[in-house]
Amino acid sequence: MNRLLIFAFPLLVMACKEKASKTETPVAVTAADNKTFRAANMREQMIYSRAIEAANWGMSAVNFDLMVQATKRAGGDYNQIVIWPRLLDWKNQTITPNPDVIYVMPFVNTKDAGPMVLEIPPADTGTVVGSIMDRWQMAIDDVGPAGLDKGKGGKYLILPPGYKEKIPAGYIPMQSGTYLGYSLLRVVLKSGDEKGVANAVGYAKRIQLYPLSQAGKSPKTIWVDASGKEYNSLIPYDFNFYESLNRVVQDDIWLTKDQAMIDPLKYIGIEKGKPFNPDARTKEILGYAIGDAKTWFRDRFEDLFKKPFYEGTNWSFPVTEEFGVDVKAGFTDPNSYPIDMRGILYTFIFFSAKHVGEGQFYLMAIADKDKQPFKGNENYRLHVPANVPIRQYWSITVYDAATHAFIRNFDRFNRSSQSAGIQKNADGSVDVYFGPKAPEGKEANWVPTDANGTFELMARFYGPDKSFFTKTWKLGDVEKVK
């Protein structure tokens, strides 16, 4: 039976790879590419199997850790705020970021500092959309007009695990199950010109972060300007992934629901309080495992698009209903823990919202009207009908399908209802074009693509009205054009 298991599992992986290769976009080379893992014994088979499960289980926390490491390379640290005072460029190599807003990212560590105060200003000269999350990127709650302060602003108090002291008056408590966490805040532009950007940055600088112990003592917020710096937090599908996963285990406490992973992680060499120093063969096996995990992630990612948001189109909201319910409930259902969905999700996004659809809503597409993957050397058109049911803005963004990030060395990634000079049709609708070259006379409505790669699209709707979800307004498919 053991011999059968040892040889059957690699064959299943090969079959999965063969299926994925028919539709999968080009991916970065890993140590395990073009090779098939062959276990010498059951011990090696279990290292391989448990390493794949560990990658799935730990993806969201690894994603977070990689952003922390990028922050440190940019000169920042915990209990500081990273800001991009210019709109994001390609040097921001995070996963599916938004190029239409001012990004503000406070990272927190309450282990030594104690409760941290995050002050959100009222929605007067500006507005913020965002969430406060634990280190697993699970939303504690949302902030801003779609959050707990309802646009009035407020002092959010991020509490360490097990905090029992009385909450001072005037604070909104955010009880976290982990010491580490962050908040993804997007300041929405009122216009896409330089004045609109400057006003948004001015509003963003009113956000404050400081320890509760410093309240009333003129606390100073430490800002880290990441504009113009390469900020790379892309998932490394090689041995580095497990080094990041080891930091996840070492840097924070175990959540009760995750303690079943203690022994499986020990088996691959990751144990709290001990150095992670696998031998050469184990490193080789981990390289195979993360390479095959990537194939598994991609296969399941494509499956998410089998259920369209608009019937008969290729636009999907690529998250299961179960996951959305669990995030909203704080993962308190003892009969539900969708780590498979969490694992896939954080290979192509970061952050979660407590109340999806109130502040923003997202749709993705990876194929055209004919269900063919988007190719960078082809030309496409998307018709955005008039009267989009939103209160703020819509946008369509191109990402490199191999990395889910901005295409490197490009200077334009999207078009939106706020794009300067965008051309509208007589009825108020907009046609957006994608391809290696702009159609004649349509430069203002064009998003460039890499002729040597493949791409995917994300449609963002900020401030969606309730009517958006009745689907009487419908975004059509992307069509190939000559």
Protein backbone atom coordinates (compact mmCIF):
# COMPACT_ATOMS: atom_id res chain seq x y z
CA MET A 1 0.00 0.00 0.00
CA ASN A 2 2.83 2.42 0.92
CA ARG A 3 4.64 1.76 -2.37
CA LEU A 4 1.42 2.37 -4.28
CA LEU A 5 0.91 5.70 -2.48
CA ILE A 6 4.48 6.80 -3.10
CA PHE A 7 4.19 6.40 -6.86
CA ALA A 8 0.51 7.26 -7.30
CA PHE A 9 0.73 10.77 -5.85
CA PRO A 10 3.35 12.05 -8.33
CA LEU A 11 1.26 10.68 -11.18
CA LEU A 12 -1.72 12.67 -9.91
CA VAL A 13 0.45 15.80 -9.80
CA MET A 14 1.60 15.14 -13.37
CA ALA A 15 -2.01 14.84 -14.48
CA CYS A 16 -2.85 18.11 -12.75
CA LYS A 17 0.10 19.80 -14.48
CA GLU A 18 -0.99 18.47 -17.86
CA LYS A 19 -4.49 19.87 -17.33
CA ALA A 20 -3.16 23.24 -16.16
CA SER A 21 -0.71 23.55 -19.04
CA LYS A 22 -3.53 23.74 -21.56
CA THR A 23 -4.84 26.99 -20.09
CA GLU A 24 -2.18 28.20 -17.68
CA THR A 25 -0.37 31.42 -18.40
CA PRO A 26 3.45 31.55 -18.33
CA VAL A 27 4.83 31.43 -14.80
CA ALA A 28 8.17 32.13 -13.19
CA VAL A 29 10.60 29.20 -13.26
CA THR A 30 11.05 27.30 -10.00
CA ALA A 31 13.57 24.69 -8.98
CA ALA A 32 10.97 22.01 -9.55
CA ASP A 33 9.90 22.99 -13.07
CA ASN A 34 10.17 20.33 -15.77
CA LYS A 35 10.84 17.68 -13.12
CA THR A 36 8.62 15.21 -11.32
CA PHE A 37 9.12 14.51 -7.66
CA ARG A 38 10.08 10.92 -6.87
CA ALA A 39 10.01 10.04 -3.18
CA ALA A 40 12.71 7.65 -1.96
CA ASN A 41 10.58 6.56 1.00
CA MET A 42 7.43 7.41 2.92
CA ARG A 43 9.22 10.02 5.00
CA GLU A 44 10.08 12.01 1.87
CA GLN A 45 6.57 11.57 0.54
CA MET A 46 5.16 13.08 3.73
CA ILE A 47 7.58 16.02 3.66
CA TYR A 48 6.40 16.75 0.12
CA SER A 49 2.70 16.34 0.92
CA ARG A 50 2.83 18.35 4.12
CA ALA A 51 4.82 21.10 2.44
CA ILE A 52 2.04 21.54 -0.14
CA GLU A 53 -0.59 21.69 2.60
CA ALA A 54 1.57 24.14 4.55
CA ALA A 55 1.76 26.44 1.51
CA ASN A 56 -2.02 26.38 1.17
CA TRP A 57 -2.62 26.97 4.88
CA GLY A 58 -0.01 29.70 5.32
CA MET A 59 -0.45 31.68 2.09
CA SER A 60 -2.29 34.71 3.53
CA ALA A 61 0.18 35.10 6.41
CA VAL A 62 3.17 34.66 4.08
CA ASN A 63 1.62 37.30 1.81
CA PHE A 64 1.50 39.63 4.84
CA ASP A 65 5.07 38.79 5.87
CA LEU A 66 6.34 39.60 2.37
CA MET A 67 4.76 43.06 2.59
CA VAL A 68 6.43 43.59 5.96
CA GLN A 69 9.80 42.60 4.48
CA ALA A 70 9.22 44.99 1.55
CA THR A 71 8.37 47.74 4.06
CA LYS A 72 11.63 47.13 5.93
CA ARG A 73 13.61 47.28 2.67
CA ALA A 74 11.90 50.63 2.02
CA GLY A 75 13.16 51.92 5.35
CA GLY A 76 10.05 51.29 7.45
CA ASP A 77 8.96 49.00 10.27
CA TYR A 78 6.04 48.06 12.47
CA ASN A 79 3.99 50.83 14.11
CA GLN A 80 4.74 53.11 11.18
CA ILE A 81 2.69 54.10 8.13
CA VAL A 82 3.83 53.41 4.58
CA ILE A 83 2.44 55.88 2.05
CA TRP A 84 2.67 56.28 -1.71
CA PRO A 85 2.11 60.06 -2.13
CA ARG A 86 2.08 59.55 -5.89
CA LEU A 87 -0.16 57.12 -7.70
CA LEU A 88 1.39 53.66 -7.85
CA ASP A 89 3.83 52.83 -10.62
CA TRP A 90 5.25 49.48 -11.76
CA LYS A 91 7.81 49.49 -8.96
CA ASN A 92 4.98 48.59 -6.64
CA GLN A 93 5.11 44.84 -7.22
CA THR A 94 2.28 43.84 -4.90
CA ILE A 95 -0.57 41.61 -6.02
CA THR A 96 -3.38 43.35 -7.98
CA PRO A 97 -2.92 46.83 -6.42
CA ASN A 98 -5.12 49.80 -7.28
CA PRO A 99 -3.43 52.52 -9.39
CA ASP A 100 -6.27 55.04 -8.90
CA VAL A 101 -6.02 55.84 -5.20
CA ILE A 102 -3.48 57.04 -2.64
CA TYR A 103 -2.28 53.99 -0.70
CA VAL A 104 -1.74 54.27 3.05
CA MET A 105 -0.63 51.14 4.94
CA PRO A 106 -0.10 51.21 8.72
CA PHE A 107 1.64 48.06 10.02
CA VAL A 108 1.22 47.28 13.71
CA ASN A 109 2.85 45.12 16.37
CA THR A 110 1.15 45.31 19.77
CA LYS A 111 3.35 42.76 21.54
CA ASP A 112 5.63 45.32 23.19
CA ALA A 113 3.94 48.59 22.29
CA GLY A 114 0.53 47.57 23.65
CA PRO A 115 -2.70 48.88 22.08
CA MET A 116 -2.17 51.03 18.98
CA VAL A 117 -4.40 53.95 18.01
CA LEU A 118 -5.30 54.43 14.35
CA GLU A 119 -7.00 57.79 13.84
CA ILE A 120 -9.20 58.08 10.75
CA PRO A 121 -10.26 61.64 9.84
CA PRO A 122 -13.89 62.46 9.03
CA ALA A 123 -14.94 62.30 5.38
CA ASP A 124 -14.89 66.04 4.73
CA THR A 125 -12.12 67.12 2.34
CA GLY A 126 -11.52 63.49 1.43
CA THR A 127 -12.66 59.96 2.05
CA VAL A 128 -10.96 56.69 2.90
CA VAL A 129 -11.95 53.10 2.13
CA GLY A 130 -10.22 50.39 4.10
CA SER A 131 -10.07 47.69 6.74
CA ILE A 132 -8.08 46.79 9.84
CA MET A 133 -6.78 43.21 9.70
CA ASP A 134 -4.87 40.66 11.72
CA ARG A 135 -1.66 39.08 10.41
CA TRP A 136 -3.73 36.49 8.49
CA GLN A 137 -5.29 39.43 6.60
CA MET A 138 -8.70 38.65 8.03
CA ALA A 139 -10.69 41.85 8.57
CA ILE A 140 -11.44 42.85 12.15
CA ASP A 141 -13.64 45.60 10.73
CA ASP A 142 -13.82 48.35 8.13
CA VAL A 143 -13.13 52.07 8.54
CA GLY A 144 -14.38 55.22 6.84
CA PRO A 145 -17.85 55.88 5.40
CA ALA A 146 -18.38 52.14 4.78
CA GLY A 147 -16.89 51.25 8.18
CA LEU A 148 -17.72 51.62 11.83
CA ASP A 149 -17.21 55.40 11.96
CA LYS A 150 -19.68 55.92 9.06
CA GLY A 151 -17.61 58.78 7.70
CA LYS A 152 -17.49 60.69 10.98
CA GLY A 153 -13.91 59.64 11.64
CA GLY A 154 -12.75 57.95 14.80
CA LYS A 155 -9.98 56.61 17.00
CA TYR A 156 -9.69 52.88 16.32
CA LEU A 157 -7.92 51.04 19.13
CA ILE A 158 -6.10 47.92 17.91
CA LEU A 159 -5.83 45.57 20.90
CA PRO A 160 -3.33 42.74 21.48
CA PRO A 161 -4.57 39.18 22.03
CA GLY A 162 -6.31 38.64 25.38
CA TYR A 163 -6.45 42.34 26.29
CA LYS A 164 -8.67 42.74 29.37
CA GLU A 165 -8.15 46.32 30.53
CA LYS A 166 -10.92 48.89 30.37
CA ILE A 167 -11.24 50.68 27.03
CA PRO A 168 -10.94 54.47 27.45
CA ALA A 169 -13.91 56.55 26.37
CA GLY A 170 -13.89 57.80 22.80
CA TYR A 171 -12.15 54.79 21.23
CA ILE A 172 -13.48 52.10 18.88
CA PRO A 173 -12.00 48.77 20.06
CA MET A 174 -10.52 46.41 17.47
CA GLN A 175 -9.75 43.11 19.21
CA SER A 176 -7.12 41.18 17.29
CA GLY A 177 -6.22 37.54 17.79
CA THR A 178 -2.62 38.26 16.74
CA TYR A 179 0.02 40.79 17.77
CA LEU A 180 0.87 41.63 14.18
CA GLY A 181 -1.49 43.18 11.66
CA TYR A 182 -2.02 46.05 9.27
CA SER A 183 -4.61 48.25 7.68
CA LEU A 184 -5.03 48.83 3.97
CA LEU A 185 -6.40 52.34 3.47
CA ARG A 186 -7.19 53.85 0.08
CA VAL A 187 -7.85 57.57 -0.15
CA VAL A 188 -10.21 58.11 -3.07
CA LEU A 189 -9.42 60.89 -5.54
CA LYS A 190 -12.08 63.47 -6.30
CA SER A 191 -10.36 64.03 -9.65
CA GLY A 192 -7.52 62.31 -11.46
CA ASP A 193 -5.45 65.46 -12.12
CA GLU A 194 -2.48 66.74 -10.10
CA LYS A 195 -4.71 68.85 -7.86
CA GLY A 196 -6.88 65.83 -7.09
CA VAL A 197 -3.81 63.77 -6.16
CA ALA A 198 -2.38 66.56 -3.97
CA ASN A 199 -5.68 67.00 -2.14
CA ALA A 200 -5.92 63.25 -1.52
CA VAL A 201 -2.37 63.16 -0.13
CA GLY A 202 -3.16 66.09 2.16
CA TYR A 203 -6.18 64.24 3.48
CA ALA A 204 -4.17 61.02 3.87
CA LYS A 205 -1.60 62.79 6.07
CA ARG A 206 -4.36 63.45 8.60
CA ILE A 207 -4.37 59.72 9.40
CA GLN A 208 -2.41 59.02 12.58
CA LEU A 209 -0.88 55.92 14.21
CA TYR A 210 0.61 55.82 17.71
CA PRO A 211 0.62 53.76 20.92
CA LEU A 212 -2.28 54.33 23.33
CA SER A 213 0.35 54.95 25.99
CA GLN A 214 1.32 58.13 24.10
CA ALA A 215 -2.22 59.50 23.78
CA GLY A 216 -2.44 63.05 25.10
CA LYS A 217 1.34 63.51 24.81
CA SER A 218 1.42 64.91 21.25
CA PRO A 219 2.34 61.54 19.73
CA LYS A 220 4.22 61.55 16.45
CA THR A 221 3.24 59.35 13.53
CA ILE A 222 6.20 57.91 11.62
CA TRP A 223 5.66 58.04 7.86
CA VAL A 224 7.59 56.02 5.28
CA ASP A 225 7.49 57.31 1.69
CA ALA A 226 7.64 54.31 -0.66
CA SER A 227 7.06 56.19 -3.92
CA GLY A 228 9.74 55.49 -6.49
CA LYS A 229 11.10 52.52 -4.53
CA GLU A 230 10.71 48.93 -5.69
CA TYR A 231 8.28 47.41 -3.22
CA ASN A 232 8.20 43.72 -4.09
CA SER A 233 5.98 41.36 -2.13
CA LEU A 234 5.21 38.84 -4.87
CA ILE A 235 4.84 35.23 -3.77
CA PRO A 236 8.17 33.38 -4.23
CA TYR A 237 7.46 29.88 -5.51
CA ASP A 238 10.78 28.53 -4.30
CA PHE A 239 12.52 27.73 -1.00
CA ASN A 240 12.13 31.38 0.08
CA PHE A 241 8.42 30.71 0.57
CA TYR A 242 9.17 28.37 3.47
CA GLU A 243 11.64 30.81 5.01
CA SER A 244 8.80 33.33 5.07
CA LEU A 245 6.46 30.71 6.50
CA ASN A 246 8.99 30.07 9.25
CA ARG A 247 8.90 33.78 10.16
CA VAL A 248 5.11 33.50 10.34
CA VAL A 249 5.44 30.79 12.98
CA GLN A 250 8.23 32.50 14.92
CA ASP A 251 6.88 36.06 14.99
CA ASP A 252 3.43 35.61 16.51
CA ILE A 253 1.21 33.33 18.57
CA TRP A 254 -0.71 30.28 17.42
CA LEU A 255 -4.42 30.72 16.93
CA THR A 256 -6.31 27.86 18.57
CA LYS A 257 -7.91 26.79 15.30
CA ASP A 258 -4.47 26.48 13.67
CA GLN A 259 -2.76 24.33 16.28
CA ALA A 260 -3.43 21.22 14.20
CA MET A 261 -0.66 22.50 11.91
CA ILE A 262 2.03 22.41 14.62
CA ASP A 263 3.10 18.80 13.96
CA PRO A 264 2.85 18.92 10.14
CA LEU A 265 5.10 21.99 10.13
CA LYS A 266 7.57 20.32 12.48
CA TYR A 267 7.82 17.53 9.93
CA ILE A 268 9.13 19.94 7.30
CA GLY A 269 11.47 21.62 9.81
CA ILE A 270 9.42 24.61 10.97
CA GLU A 271 9.00 24.70 14.74
CA LYS A 272 8.38 27.63 17.06
CA GLY A 273 11.48 28.60 19.01
CA LYS A 274 13.86 26.58 16.85
CA PRO A 275 15.98 27.50 13.79
CA PHE A 276 14.77 26.47 10.36
CA ASN A 277 17.76 24.76 8.80
CA PRO A 278 16.69 21.85 6.56
CA ASP A 279 19.29 19.63 4.92
CA ALA A 280 19.98 19.69 1.18
CA ARG A 281 17.53 16.90 0.31
CA THR A 282 14.71 18.46 2.32
CA LYS A 283 15.32 21.79 0.56
CA GLU A 284 15.08 19.97 -2.75
CA ILE A 285 11.79 18.35 -1.74
CA LEU A 286 10.41 21.72 -0.60
CA GLY A 287 11.33 23.12 -4.00
CA TYR A 288 9.30 20.39 -5.70
CA ALA A 289 6.42 20.95 -3.29
CA ILE A 290 6.07 24.71 -3.80
CA GLY A 291 6.39 24.31 -7.57
CA ASP A 292 3.58 21.75 -7.62
CA ALA A 293 1.56 23.83 -5.14
CA LYS A 294 1.72 26.67 -7.67
CA THR A 295 0.21 24.40 -10.31
CA TRP A 296 -2.53 23.42 -7.86
CA PHE A 297 -3.23 27.08 -6.99
CA ARG A 298 -3.49 28.04 -10.66
CA ASP A 299 -5.81 25.15 -11.43
CA ARG A 300 -8.18 26.16 -8.62
CA PHE A 301 -7.87 29.85 -9.52
CA GLU A 302 -9.22 29.11 -12.99
CA ASP A 303 -12.07 27.10 -11.47
CA LEU A 304 -13.27 30.26 -9.68
CA PHE A 305 -14.29 31.71 -13.05
CA LYS A 306 -16.73 28.94 -13.84
CA LYS A 307 -19.41 30.83 -11.89
CA PRO A 308 -19.90 34.23 -13.57
CA PHE A 309 -21.22 37.29 -11.77
CA TYR A 310 -23.23 38.28 -14.85
CA GLU A 311 -24.86 35.33 -16.52
CA GLY A 312 -23.32 34.55 -19.88
CA THR A 313 -20.11 36.57 -19.30
CA ASN A 314 -16.58 35.83 -18.10
CA TRP A 315 -16.65 38.36 -15.25
CA SER A 316 -16.50 36.71 -11.84
CA PHE A 317 -16.24 37.66 -8.20
CA PRO A 318 -13.56 35.06 -7.46
CA VAL A 319 -14.40 34.29 -3.83
CA THR A 320 -16.70 31.60 -2.50
CA GLU A 321 -19.79 32.57 -0.55
CA GLU A 322 -18.59 30.49 2.41
CA PHE A 323 -15.37 32.49 2.66
CA GLY A 324 -17.24 35.81 2.56
CA VAL A 325 -19.61 34.67 5.30
CA ASP A 326 -16.71 33.48 7.48
CA VAL A 327 -14.76 36.74 7.13
CA LYS A 328 -17.85 38.70 8.11
CA ALA A 329 -18.42 36.43 11.12
CA GLY A 330 -14.79 36.49 12.19
CA PHE A 331 -14.33 32.78 11.48
CA THR A 332 -16.44 31.88 14.50
CA ASP A 333 -18.40 29.03 12.86
CA PRO A 334 -16.92 25.82 14.38
CA ASN A 335 -18.01 23.86 11.30
CA SER A 336 -16.35 26.04 8.68
CA TYR A 337 -12.72 26.98 8.07
CA PRO A 338 -12.19 27.57 4.31
CA ILE A 339 -8.39 27.54 4.20
CA ASP A 340 -8.48 26.23 0.62
CA MET A 341 -10.26 29.39 -0.54
CA ARG A 342 -7.97 31.51 1.62
CA GLY A 343 -4.94 29.82 0.12
CA ILE A 344 -6.00 30.53 -3.47
CA LEU A 345 -7.23 34.04 -2.75
CA TYR A 346 -3.96 35.32 -1.35
CA THR A 347 -2.01 34.16 -4.36
CA PHE A 348 -3.65 36.97 -6.34
CA ILE A 349 -4.82 39.63 -3.85
CA PHE A 350 -3.98 41.13 -0.49
CA PHE A 351 -6.40 42.54 2.16
CA SER A 352 -9.97 41.59 3.09
CA ALA A 353 -13.02 43.72 3.83
CA LYS A 354 -15.50 42.93 6.57
CA HIS A 355 -18.45 44.12 4.52
CA VAL A 356 -17.70 43.41 0.85
CA GLY A 357 -19.82 45.47 -1.51
CA GLU A 358 -20.40 48.45 0.78
CA GLY A 359 -17.22 50.44 0.17
CA GLN A 360 -16.02 48.69 -2.98
CA PHE A 361 -16.65 45.67 -5.17
CA TYR A 362 -14.37 43.81 -7.57
CA LEU A 363 -14.78 41.61 -10.62
CA MET A 364 -12.07 39.76 -12.53
CA ALA A 365 -11.78 38.30 -16.01
CA ILE A 366 -9.08 36.05 -17.45
CA ALA A 367 -10.69 35.29 -20.83
CA ASP A 368 -12.43 37.07 -23.69
CA LYS A 369 -15.94 36.61 -25.10
CA ASP A 370 -14.79 33.44 -26.87
CA LYS A 371 -13.41 32.07 -23.56
CA GLN A 372 -9.83 32.42 -24.77
CA PRO A 373 -7.14 33.65 -22.34
CA PHE A 374 -6.09 37.26 -22.88
CA LYS A 375 -2.91 37.48 -24.97
CA GLY A 376 -0.70 40.54 -24.86
CA ASN A 377 -0.08 40.52 -28.62
CA GLU A 378 -3.81 40.71 -29.45
CA ASN A 379 -6.16 43.72 -29.45
CA TYR A 380 -9.36 43.89 -27.38
CA ARG A 381 -12.25 46.22 -26.58
CA LEU A 382 -14.47 46.44 -23.50
CA HIS A 383 -17.72 48.39 -23.66
CA VAL A 384 -18.64 50.00 -20.33
CA PRO A 385 -22.33 50.98 -20.52
CA ALA A 386 -23.43 54.41 -19.31
CA ASN A 387 -24.83 55.14 -15.86
CA VAL A 388 -22.65 52.78 -13.85
CA PRO A 389 -24.51 52.42 -10.51
CA ILE A 390 -21.74 53.78 -8.27
CA ARG A 391 -21.25 56.83 -6.04
CA GLN A 392 -17.52 57.31 -6.64
CA TYR A 393 -15.74 55.79 -9.65
CA TRP A 394 -15.13 52.69 -11.78
CA SER A 395 -11.86 51.44 -13.25
CA ILE A 396 -10.47 48.59 -15.36
CA THR A 397 -6.90 47.49 -14.62
CA VAL A 398 -4.52 45.21 -16.54
CA TYR A 399 -2.22 42.84 -14.61
CA ASP A 400 0.48 40.47 -15.74
CA ALA A 401 -1.24 37.06 -15.57
CA ALA A 402 2.00 35.36 -14.55
CA THR A 403 2.45 37.48 -11.41
CA HIS A 404 -0.95 39.18 -10.81
CA ALA A 405 1.04 42.44 -10.58
CA PHE A 406 1.66 45.53 -12.72
CA ILE A 407 3.57 44.80 -15.92
CA ARG A 408 7.16 45.79 -15.26
CA ASN A 409 8.51 48.97 -16.87
CA PHE A 410 5.08 50.06 -18.10
CA ASP A 411 3.71 53.50 -17.21
CA ARG A 412 -0.03 52.91 -17.63
CA PHE A 413 -2.08 50.07 -16.20
CA ASN A 414 -5.71 51.13 -16.35
CA ARG A 415 -8.45 53.47 -17.43
CA SER A 416 -11.18 54.75 -15.15
CA SER A 417 -14.09 57.15 -15.03
CA GLN A 418 -11.59 59.64 -13.54
CA SER A 419 -8.87 59.23 -16.18
CA ALA A 420 -7.93 62.60 -17.65
CA GLY A 421 -9.20 63.00 -21.21
CA ILE A 422 -11.05 59.71 -21.40
CA GLN A 423 -13.46 59.74 -24.36
CA LYS A 424 -17.14 59.00 -23.84
CA ASN A 425 -19.58 57.88 -26.49
CA ALA A 426 -22.66 59.98 -27.29
CA ASP A 427 -24.79 57.96 -24.84
CA GLY A 428 -22.29 58.33 -21.99
CA SER A 429 -20.81 54.85 -22.35
CA VAL A 430 -17.05 54.27 -22.64
CA ASP A 431 -15.02 51.87 -24.77
CA VAL A 432 -11.73 50.75 -23.22
CA TYR A 433 -9.03 49.21 -25.44
CA PHE A 434 -6.26 46.75 -24.56
CA GLY A 435 -3.34 45.77 -26.78
CA PRO A 436 0.36 46.32 -27.57
CA LYS A 437 -0.43 49.51 -29.53
CA ALA A 438 -3.13 52.12 -29.13
CA PRO A 439 -5.89 52.19 -31.78
CA GLU A 440 -5.66 55.37 -33.84
CA GLY A 441 -7.44 58.21 -32.09
CA LYS A 442 -8.17 56.10 -28.99
CA GLU A 443 -4.99 56.68 -26.98
CA ALA A 444 -6.91 58.21 -24.05
CA ASN A 445 -8.99 55.03 -23.69
CA TRP A 446 -6.15 52.54 -24.20
CA VAL A 447 -4.27 50.33 -21.72
CA PRO A 448 -1.02 48.81 -23.04
CA THR A 449 -0.25 45.08 -22.82
CA ASP A 450 2.99 43.14 -23.06
CA ALA A 451 3.15 41.51 -26.49
CA ASN A 452 5.32 38.74 -25.02
CA GLY A 453 2.98 37.85 -22.17
CA THR A 454 -0.58 37.27 -21.08
CA PHE A 455 -2.80 39.42 -18.88
CA GLU A 456 -5.88 39.50 -16.69
CA LEU A 457 -8.36 42.26 -15.85
CA MET A 458 -9.86 43.61 -12.66
CA ALA A 459 -12.91 45.87 -12.67
CA ARG A 460 -13.31 48.03 -9.57
CA PHE A 461 -16.49 49.76 -8.48
CA TYR A 462 -16.07 52.20 -5.61
CA GLY A 463 -19.19 53.18 -3.71
CA PRO A 464 -21.51 50.69 -5.47
CA ASP A 465 -25.20 51.43 -5.09
CA LYS A 466 -27.59 48.69 -4.04
CA SER A 467 -28.89 48.66 -7.61
CA PHE A 468 -25.46 47.42 -8.73
CA PHE A 469 -26.25 44.05 -7.21
CA THR A 470 -29.64 43.72 -8.92
CA LYS A 471 -27.57 43.40 -12.12
CA THR A 472 -29.91 45.51 -14.22
CA TRP A 473 -26.70 47.26 -15.28
CA LYS A 474 -24.32 44.73 -16.81
CA LEU A 475 -20.67 44.83 -17.81
CA GLY A 476 -20.26 42.89 -21.04
CA ASP A 477 -17.43 40.64 -22.14
CA VAL A 478 -14.13 41.79 -23.57
CA GLU A 479 -14.05 41.23 -27.35
CA LYS A 480 -11.10 40.68 -29.62
CA VAL A 481 -10.81 43.32 -32.37
CA LYS A 482 -8.60 43.78 -35.42
